Amino acid sequence: MWIADNWNEYEVIDTSSGEKLERWGNYILVRPDPQVIWNTPKDDPGWKKPNAHYHRSSKGGGDWEFFKLPQEWELSYHTRTNLNLTFHLKPFHFKHTGLFPEQAVNWEWFSSIIKEALNNNPSRTIKVLNLFAYTGGATLSAAAAGAQVTHVDASKGMVGWAKENAASSGLAKAPVRWLVDDCVKFVEREIRRGSTYDAVIMDPPSYGRGPKGEIWKIEDAVYPFIELTTKVLAKNPLFFLINSYTTGLQPAVLSYMLETALVAKFGGAVQSSEIGLPVSSNGLVLPCGASGRWTAKSE
């Protein structure tokens, strides 16, 4: 498992009875997690006095219960490659805060690849395409490492939030194109335009709708989309990353898709694994989905 174990301002404190107890900077949150199917004693005092608690509804969705939590606050992350990122957080629908901390393990991976490539050839330009880019964690990591990034998300609100995160991270003037668009249609247009990228990051939802109501179901759409996206890769690309939060898409499935779509065209190597966050109360690791990585050279 690839573990995001370099956080200072975030931690999973404990897990029990379908929920996780987390520290987000100075604030303690309790949120549901479908992976937590065990019951253990809730000994940490944070369980009884959180700053906010998201209660899942039996009818789907749920609601936040707030105690002492600001409408918005900041959280910083310092990478092992000396990049400083700062994120605006706020509780919003379906338990989210605007950040997936487990993705830091992938930020570390590809920012190192970008920095190494630039160190080997300081005059080169590295273009990264970030699809389903959400609030920009991967965008900021790639831009801070020195890449030019095209950030694409169907939600205008999420793109605006990502811009705020860029400004907080000192990257307001970084070479980032911020685009509100349907990811599939954008890639199709880029192919027609002859645009190419040195790397692709994609974080597709299990289910979603584009700005004009286009339906996305990951089981049906993800492999054709990976194949399509390989057509915008440069002749000698650096890496390709796909994330999955769908339980049906296990690491082996991600590996098979990347092997089939990328290795035949570009060579290189594929690795896939669960990603997770350490639990400070017991030393275990909370699984948080899976990632598949293709890179131009064996690791």
Protein backbone atom coordinates (compact mmCIF):
# COMPACT_ATOMS: atom_id res chain seq x y z
CA MET A 1 0.00 0.00 0.00
CA TRP A 2 1.14 3.55 -0.75
CA ILE A 3 0.73 5.56 2.45
CA ALA A 4 0.39 9.33 2.76
CA ASP A 5 2.50 9.57 5.90
CA ASN A 6 4.09 13.00 5.48
CA TRP A 7 1.31 15.16 6.92
CA ASN A 8 1.88 17.44 9.89
CA GLU A 9 -1.41 19.35 9.93
CA TYR A 10 -3.71 16.41 9.20
CA GLU A 11 -4.15 13.01 10.82
CA VAL A 12 -6.59 10.18 11.18
CA ILE A 13 -6.72 9.88 14.96
CA ASP A 14 -9.02 6.88 15.29
CA THR A 15 -11.59 4.79 13.42
CA SER A 16 -14.63 2.92 14.71
CA SER A 17 -18.25 2.01 13.92
CA GLY A 18 -18.33 3.35 10.39
CA GLU A 19 -16.63 6.64 11.22
CA LYS A 20 -13.20 8.25 11.36
CA LEU A 21 -11.94 10.83 13.83
CA GLU A 22 -9.69 13.33 12.06
CA ARG A 23 -7.58 16.37 12.91
CA TRP A 24 -7.65 19.05 10.23
CA GLY A 25 -5.21 21.63 11.54
CA ASN A 26 -6.74 22.90 14.79
CA TYR A 27 -10.12 21.27 14.23
CA ILE A 28 -11.47 17.81 14.98
CA LEU A 29 -14.03 16.29 12.61
CA VAL A 30 -16.00 13.04 12.72
CA ARG A 31 -16.97 11.77 9.28
CA PRO A 32 -18.40 8.49 7.97
CA ASP A 33 -16.17 6.06 6.11
CA PRO A 34 -17.55 2.93 4.41
CA GLN A 35 -14.26 1.07 4.95
CA VAL A 36 -14.58 1.26 8.76
CA ILE A 37 -16.66 -1.85 9.41
CA TRP A 38 -15.11 -2.64 12.81
CA ASN A 39 -16.17 -1.54 16.28
CA THR A 40 -13.46 -0.51 18.72
CA PRO A 41 -13.56 1.54 21.95
CA LYS A 42 -13.79 5.26 21.20
CA ASP A 43 -11.27 6.19 23.87
CA ASP A 44 -9.98 9.43 22.34
CA PRO A 45 -11.77 12.47 23.83
CA GLY A 46 -12.19 13.92 20.36
CA TRP A 47 -15.07 11.52 19.74
CA LYS A 48 -17.10 13.29 22.43
CA LYS A 49 -16.08 16.86 21.62
CA PRO A 50 -15.47 17.29 17.88
CA ASN A 51 -15.74 20.64 16.11
CA ALA A 52 -18.14 19.09 13.60
CA HIS A 53 -19.81 15.75 12.96
CA TYR A 54 -21.23 14.58 9.64
CA HIS A 55 -24.19 12.25 10.17
CA ARG A 56 -25.06 9.97 7.28
CA SER A 57 -28.77 9.56 6.55
CA SER A 58 -30.34 6.14 6.01
CA LYS A 59 -32.01 7.65 2.93
CA GLY A 60 -28.64 8.67 1.42
CA GLY A 61 -26.52 11.77 1.89
CA GLY A 62 -26.52 13.32 5.32
CA ASP A 63 -25.99 16.54 7.27
CA TRP A 64 -23.28 18.33 9.18
CA GLU A 65 -23.71 19.06 12.88
CA PHE A 66 -21.49 22.00 13.83
CA PHE A 67 -20.12 22.86 17.26
CA LYS A 68 -17.13 25.20 16.96
CA LEU A 69 -15.95 25.22 13.35
CA PRO A 70 -15.30 28.27 11.15
CA GLN A 71 -16.95 28.48 7.74
CA GLU A 72 -13.51 28.20 6.17
CA TRP A 73 -9.94 27.55 7.32
CA GLU A 74 -6.53 26.66 5.86
CA LEU A 75 -4.37 23.56 5.88
CA SER A 76 -0.77 23.37 4.67
CA TYR A 77 1.33 20.54 3.29
CA HIS A 78 5.11 20.53 2.91
CA THR A 79 6.31 17.88 0.46
CA ARG A 80 9.49 15.87 0.70
CA THR A 81 10.71 17.77 -2.36
CA ASN A 82 10.36 21.08 -0.46
CA LEU A 83 7.13 22.29 -2.04
CA ASN A 84 4.73 24.24 0.16
CA LEU A 85 1.02 23.95 -0.56
CA THR A 86 -1.86 25.63 1.26
CA PHE A 87 -5.51 24.65 0.89
CA HIS A 88 -8.76 26.40 1.77
CA LEU A 89 -11.08 23.98 3.55
CA LYS A 90 -14.79 24.21 4.21
CA PRO A 91 -17.43 21.59 4.98
CA PHE A 92 -19.81 21.06 2.13
CA HIS A 93 -22.31 18.51 0.83
CA PHE A 94 -21.73 14.78 1.20
CA LYS A 95 -19.17 14.98 4.03
CA HIS A 96 -16.31 16.53 2.03
CA THR A 97 -13.97 19.37 3.05
CA GLY A 98 -12.40 20.11 -0.34
CA LEU A 99 -9.31 17.94 0.06
CA PHE A 100 -8.43 14.24 -0.11
CA PRO A 101 -5.32 13.98 2.14
CA GLU A 102 -4.43 10.46 0.94
CA GLN A 103 -3.59 11.93 -2.47
CA ALA A 104 -0.45 13.47 -0.98
CA VAL A 105 1.32 10.16 -1.64
CA ASN A 106 0.71 10.71 -5.36
CA TRP A 107 1.71 14.39 -5.20
CA GLU A 108 5.07 13.25 -3.81
CA TRP A 109 5.48 10.69 -6.59
CA PHE A 110 4.84 12.83 -9.63
CA SER A 111 6.39 16.04 -8.30
CA SER A 112 9.63 14.09 -7.91
CA ILE A 113 9.39 12.93 -11.54
CA ILE A 114 8.79 16.48 -12.74
CA LYS A 115 11.64 17.94 -10.72
CA GLU A 116 14.05 15.22 -11.84
CA ALA A 117 13.15 15.79 -15.50
CA LEU A 118 13.70 19.53 -15.13
CA ASN A 119 16.98 19.03 -13.30
CA ASN A 120 18.18 16.84 -16.17
CA ASN A 121 17.08 19.40 -18.77
CA PRO A 122 16.35 22.84 -17.25
CA SER A 123 15.36 24.31 -20.62
CA ARG A 124 12.53 21.87 -21.29
CA THR A 125 8.83 22.55 -20.74
CA ILE A 126 6.71 19.92 -19.02
CA LYS A 127 2.99 20.08 -19.77
CA VAL A 128 0.61 18.25 -17.44
CA LEU A 129 -3.09 17.64 -18.06
CA ASN A 130 -5.16 17.24 -14.88
CA LEU A 131 -8.64 15.87 -15.57
CA PHE A 132 -11.52 15.83 -13.06
CA ALA A 133 -9.18 18.16 -11.21
CA TYR A 134 -11.47 19.08 -8.27
CA THR A 135 -9.93 21.71 -5.94
CA GLY A 136 -6.48 21.41 -7.42
CA GLY A 137 -4.26 19.42 -5.08
CA ALA A 138 -2.55 17.67 -7.98
CA THR A 139 -2.52 20.84 -10.07
CA LEU A 140 -0.72 22.79 -7.37
CA SER A 141 1.77 19.99 -6.75
CA ALA A 142 2.67 19.77 -10.43
CA ALA A 143 2.84 23.56 -10.87
CA ALA A 144 4.99 24.00 -7.77
CA ALA A 145 7.38 21.35 -9.13
CA GLY A 146 7.79 23.44 -12.30
CA ALA A 147 5.23 22.08 -14.76
CA GLN A 148 2.73 23.93 -16.94
CA VAL A 149 -0.69 22.58 -16.00
CA THR A 150 -4.05 22.44 -17.73
CA HIS A 151 -6.68 22.03 -15.01
CA VAL A 152 -10.07 20.74 -16.21
CA ASP A 153 -13.20 20.21 -14.14
CA ALA A 154 -16.89 20.37 -15.04
CA SER A 155 -17.75 22.37 -11.89
CA LYS A 156 -17.25 26.13 -12.02
CA GLY A 157 -17.28 26.22 -8.22
CA MET A 158 -14.50 23.65 -7.93
CA VAL A 159 -12.32 25.50 -10.44
CA GLY A 160 -12.83 28.73 -8.50
CA TRP A 161 -11.89 26.94 -5.28
CA ALA A 162 -8.75 25.57 -6.94
CA LYS A 163 -7.74 29.11 -7.96
CA GLU A 164 -8.09 30.19 -4.33
CA ASN A 165 -5.82 27.33 -3.29
CA ALA A 166 -3.27 28.39 -5.92
CA ALA A 167 -3.25 31.94 -4.56
CA SER A 168 -2.81 30.69 -0.98
CA SER A 169 0.10 28.51 -2.14
CA GLY A 170 1.88 31.42 -3.84
CA LEU A 171 1.00 30.02 -7.26
CA ALA A 172 -1.47 32.63 -8.47
CA LYS A 173 0.85 33.49 -11.37
CA ALA A 174 1.95 29.93 -12.10
CA PRO A 175 1.43 28.70 -15.68
CA VAL A 176 -1.95 27.05 -15.10
CA ARG A 177 -4.89 27.05 -17.49
CA TRP A 178 -8.12 26.88 -15.48
CA LEU A 179 -10.93 25.35 -17.54
CA VAL A 180 -14.57 24.58 -16.74
CA ASP A 181 -15.37 21.84 -19.22
CA ASP A 182 -16.51 18.28 -19.72
CA CYS A 183 -13.30 16.25 -19.55
CA VAL A 184 -14.15 13.83 -22.36
CA LYS A 185 -15.19 16.58 -24.76
CA PHE A 186 -12.11 18.63 -23.87
CA VAL A 187 -9.78 15.73 -24.67
CA GLU A 188 -11.59 15.12 -27.96
CA ARG A 189 -11.05 18.77 -28.93
CA GLU A 190 -7.39 18.63 -27.89
CA ILE A 191 -6.88 15.62 -30.17
CA ARG A 192 -8.40 17.53 -33.09
CA ARG A 193 -6.20 20.53 -32.29
CA GLY A 194 -3.07 18.38 -32.16
CA SER A 195 -2.28 19.41 -28.57
CA THR A 196 0.03 17.14 -26.58
CA TYR A 197 1.03 16.71 -22.95
CA ASP A 198 3.98 15.15 -21.18
CA ALA A 199 1.81 13.71 -18.41
CA VAL A 200 -1.80 13.04 -17.51
CA ILE A 201 -3.47 12.91 -14.10
CA MET A 202 -7.08 11.79 -13.86
CA ASP A 203 -9.31 11.42 -10.83
CA PRO A 204 -12.62 10.27 -12.34
CA PRO A 205 -15.76 10.14 -10.20
CA SER A 206 -17.74 6.95 -9.85
CA TYR A 207 -20.73 8.81 -11.24
CA GLY A 208 -21.11 12.35 -12.47
CA ARG A 209 -22.64 14.78 -14.89
CA GLY A 210 -20.97 17.24 -17.24
CA PRO A 211 -21.97 20.93 -17.52
CA LYS A 212 -24.67 20.02 -20.06
CA GLY A 213 -25.95 16.96 -18.26
CA GLU A 214 -23.56 14.43 -19.78
CA ILE A 215 -23.63 11.22 -17.70
CA TRP A 216 -20.41 9.57 -16.55
CA LYS A 217 -20.41 6.03 -15.10
CA ILE A 218 -16.88 4.91 -14.33
CA GLU A 219 -17.38 1.19 -15.07
CA ASP A 220 -18.59 1.98 -18.58
CA ALA A 221 -16.51 5.02 -19.42
CA VAL A 222 -13.11 4.85 -17.77
CA TYR A 223 -11.23 2.45 -20.06
CA PRO A 224 -12.39 4.07 -23.32
CA PHE A 225 -11.44 7.40 -21.80
CA ILE A 226 -7.95 6.20 -20.86
CA GLU A 227 -7.49 4.98 -24.44
CA LEU A 228 -8.75 8.31 -25.77
CA THR A 229 -6.47 10.31 -23.48
CA THR A 230 -3.35 8.45 -24.61
CA LYS A 231 -3.83 10.25 -27.93
CA VAL A 232 -2.87 13.59 -26.35
CA LEU A 233 0.35 12.25 -24.85
CA ALA A 234 3.61 13.51 -26.31
CA LYS A 235 5.97 11.17 -28.16
CA ASN A 236 8.01 10.52 -25.00
CA PRO A 237 5.66 11.11 -22.05
CA LEU A 238 6.73 11.09 -18.43
CA PHE A 239 3.85 9.60 -16.46
CA PHE A 240 0.15 8.77 -16.32
CA LEU A 241 -1.81 8.59 -13.06
CA ILE A 242 -5.35 7.38 -12.47
CA ASN A 243 -7.14 7.31 -9.13
CA SER A 244 -10.18 5.27 -8.16
CA TYR A 245 -12.49 5.43 -5.17
CA THR A 246 -14.77 2.74 -6.60
CA THR A 247 -14.46 -0.55 -4.74
CA GLY A 248 -14.94 -2.51 -7.96
CA LEU A 249 -11.81 -1.03 -9.53
CA GLN A 250 -9.09 -2.84 -7.62
CA PRO A 251 -5.38 -2.10 -8.17
CA ALA A 252 -5.08 -5.08 -10.52
CA VAL A 253 -7.85 -3.61 -12.69
CA LEU A 254 -6.04 -0.27 -12.86
CA SER A 255 -2.82 -2.07 -13.79
CA TYR A 256 -4.52 -4.04 -16.52
CA MET A 257 -6.06 -0.91 -18.06
CA LEU A 258 -2.77 1.00 -18.01
CA GLU A 259 -0.78 -1.96 -19.33
CA THR A 260 -3.21 -2.40 -22.20
CA ALA A 261 -3.61 1.26 -23.10
CA LEU A 262 -0.08 2.61 -22.48
CA VAL A 263 2.68 0.02 -22.44
CA ALA A 264 1.98 -1.20 -25.97
CA LYS A 265 2.33 2.39 -27.23
CA PHE A 266 5.06 3.83 -25.04
CA GLY A 267 6.78 0.98 -23.21
CA GLY A 268 7.56 1.90 -19.63
CA ALA A 269 6.22 0.28 -16.49
CA VAL A 270 2.98 0.13 -14.52
CA GLN A 271 2.45 -0.06 -10.79
CA SER A 272 -0.87 -0.01 -8.93
CA SER A 273 -1.72 -0.17 -5.25
CA GLU A 274 -4.20 0.78 -2.61
CA ILE A 275 -3.51 4.16 -1.07
CA GLY A 276 -4.06 4.87 2.60
CA LEU A 277 -3.63 7.06 5.65
CA PRO A 278 -1.95 6.02 8.90
CA VAL A 279 -4.17 5.86 12.00
CA SER A 280 -2.27 7.43 14.89
CA SER A 281 -4.13 5.63 17.71
CA ASN A 282 -3.15 2.10 16.68
CA GLY A 283 -0.54 2.23 13.91
CA LEU A 284 -2.86 0.65 11.34
CA VAL A 285 -3.58 2.11 7.90
CA LEU A 286 -7.00 3.20 6.66
CA PRO A 287 -7.48 2.25 2.99
CA CYS A 288 -8.71 5.15 0.84
CA GLY A 289 -9.05 3.80 -2.69
CA ALA A 290 -6.46 2.85 -5.26
CA SER A 291 -4.09 4.44 -7.75
CA GLY A 292 -2.53 3.23 -10.96
CA ARG A 293 0.75 4.73 -12.17
CA TRP A 294 2.46 4.42 -15.52
CA THR A 295 5.94 5.83 -15.88
CA ALA A 296 8.31 5.99 -18.81
CA LYS A 297 11.02 4.16 -16.92
CA SER A 298 11.02 1.25 -14.50
CA GLU A 299 11.08 2.16 -10.81
